[in-house]
Amino acid sequence: MTGPSDVTRARRMFLENPSTNLQVLVRNRYTWMNDFIGPDVKQKTTEADLNYIIKQFNARVSVFYIDQKYSNNAGERKQFGVGLQVQL
């Protein structure tokens, strides 16, 4: 590759010689979703993020909330999280 952003060549190399391990990983990573999705299933996602930058410490504090609901009553998923990013 001519550089780290040579996406065209990387894509061509992947399609010409696909990795079996990657194919299995991707297939298994998303097959569990088939129980929850279908042609008529709709998903509603609500997300809120709050970030605060602390300049004197080169840091950022973040809080997030994600709420996912499905129209077929397949479940509801809520996530809360707190993050801290420090730049050295």
Protein backbone atom coordinates (compact mmCIF):
# COMPACT_ATOMS: atom_id res chain seq x y z
CA MET A 1 0.00 0.00 0.00
CA THR A 2 1.14 3.51 -0.68
CA GLY A 3 -0.08 4.73 2.70
CA PRO A 4 -2.37 3.96 5.63
CA SER A 5 -5.33 5.50 3.79
CA ASP A 6 -5.11 3.42 0.62
CA VAL A 7 -8.66 2.13 1.05
CA THR A 8 -9.15 1.17 -2.58
CA ARG A 9 -6.21 -1.20 -2.58
CA ALA A 10 -7.05 -2.62 0.86
CA ARG A 11 -10.63 -3.33 -0.26
CA ARG A 12 -9.44 -4.98 -3.48
CA MET A 13 -6.96 -7.14 -1.56
CA PHE A 14 -9.68 -8.22 0.87
CA LEU A 15 -12.15 -9.10 -1.89
CA GLU A 16 -9.54 -11.02 -3.90
CA ASN A 17 -8.23 -13.03 -0.96
CA PRO A 18 -10.73 -12.89 1.92
CA SER A 19 -9.67 -14.10 5.34
CA THR A 20 -11.64 -17.14 6.51
CA ASN A 21 -11.22 -16.08 10.13
CA LEU A 22 -12.64 -12.65 9.39
CA GLN A 23 -15.62 -14.10 7.51
CA VAL A 24 -16.47 -16.38 10.45
CA LEU A 25 -16.03 -13.53 12.92
CA VAL A 26 -18.30 -11.15 11.01
CA ARG A 27 -20.94 -13.84 10.36
CA ASN A 28 -21.09 -14.85 14.03
CA ARG A 29 -20.90 -11.27 15.26
CA TYR A 30 -24.18 -10.32 13.60
CA THR A 31 -26.24 -13.53 13.30
CA TRP A 32 -27.70 -13.13 16.80
CA MET A 33 -29.53 -10.05 15.50
CA ASN A 34 -31.74 -12.17 13.25
CA ASP A 35 -33.94 -13.02 16.25
CA PHE A 36 -34.71 -9.34 16.73
CA ILE A 37 -34.96 -7.98 13.20
CA GLY A 38 -37.12 -8.69 10.21
CA PRO A 39 -38.66 -6.84 7.29
CA ASP A 40 -41.30 -5.13 9.46
CA VAL A 41 -39.26 -4.47 12.60
CA LYS A 42 -38.45 -0.89 13.44
CA GLN A 43 -35.88 0.27 15.95
CA LYS A 44 -36.02 3.56 17.81
CA THR A 45 -32.79 4.82 19.36
CA THR A 46 -32.51 7.72 21.76
CA GLU A 47 -29.02 8.89 22.64
CA ALA A 48 -27.69 11.69 24.81
CA ASP A 49 -24.04 12.62 25.29
CA LEU A 50 -22.44 15.20 27.51
CA ASN A 51 -18.73 16.08 27.36
CA TYR A 52 -16.77 18.46 29.54
CA ILE A 53 -13.23 19.53 28.65
CA ILE A 54 -10.77 20.29 31.45
CA LYS A 55 -8.10 22.37 29.68
CA GLN A 56 -5.58 22.62 32.50
CA PHE A 57 -5.36 18.77 32.69
CA ASN A 58 -5.72 18.06 28.93
CA ALA A 59 -8.67 15.83 29.85
CA ARG A 60 -12.25 15.22 28.87
CA VAL A 61 -15.01 13.72 30.98
CA SER A 62 -18.02 12.25 29.20
CA VAL A 63 -21.37 10.80 30.17
CA PHE A 64 -23.73 9.00 27.80
CA TYR A 65 -27.16 7.37 27.73
CA ILE A 66 -28.53 5.12 24.97
CA ASP A 67 -32.07 3.69 24.84
CA GLN A 68 -33.03 1.23 22.07
CA LYS A 69 -36.57 -0.06 21.56
CA TYR A 70 -37.94 -2.48 18.95
CA SER A 71 -41.42 -2.43 17.43
CA ASN A 72 -41.85 -6.22 17.75
CA ASN A 73 -41.34 -6.13 21.55
CA ALA A 74 -38.12 -8.13 21.13
CA GLY A 75 -36.62 -6.29 24.02
CA GLU A 76 -35.30 -3.03 25.19
CA ARG A 77 -31.69 -2.08 25.72
CA LYS A 78 -30.49 0.77 27.89
CA GLN A 79 -26.90 1.80 28.47
CA PHE A 80 -25.37 4.37 30.77
CA GLY A 81 -21.69 5.20 30.78
CA VAL A 82 -19.00 7.49 32.06
CA GLY A 83 -15.68 8.09 30.33
CA LEU A 84 -12.42 9.83 31.02
CA GLN A 85 -9.92 10.73 28.32
CA VAL A 86 -6.52 12.15 29.22
CA GLN A 87 -4.02 13.33 26.65
CA LEU A 88 -0.41 12.97 27.68
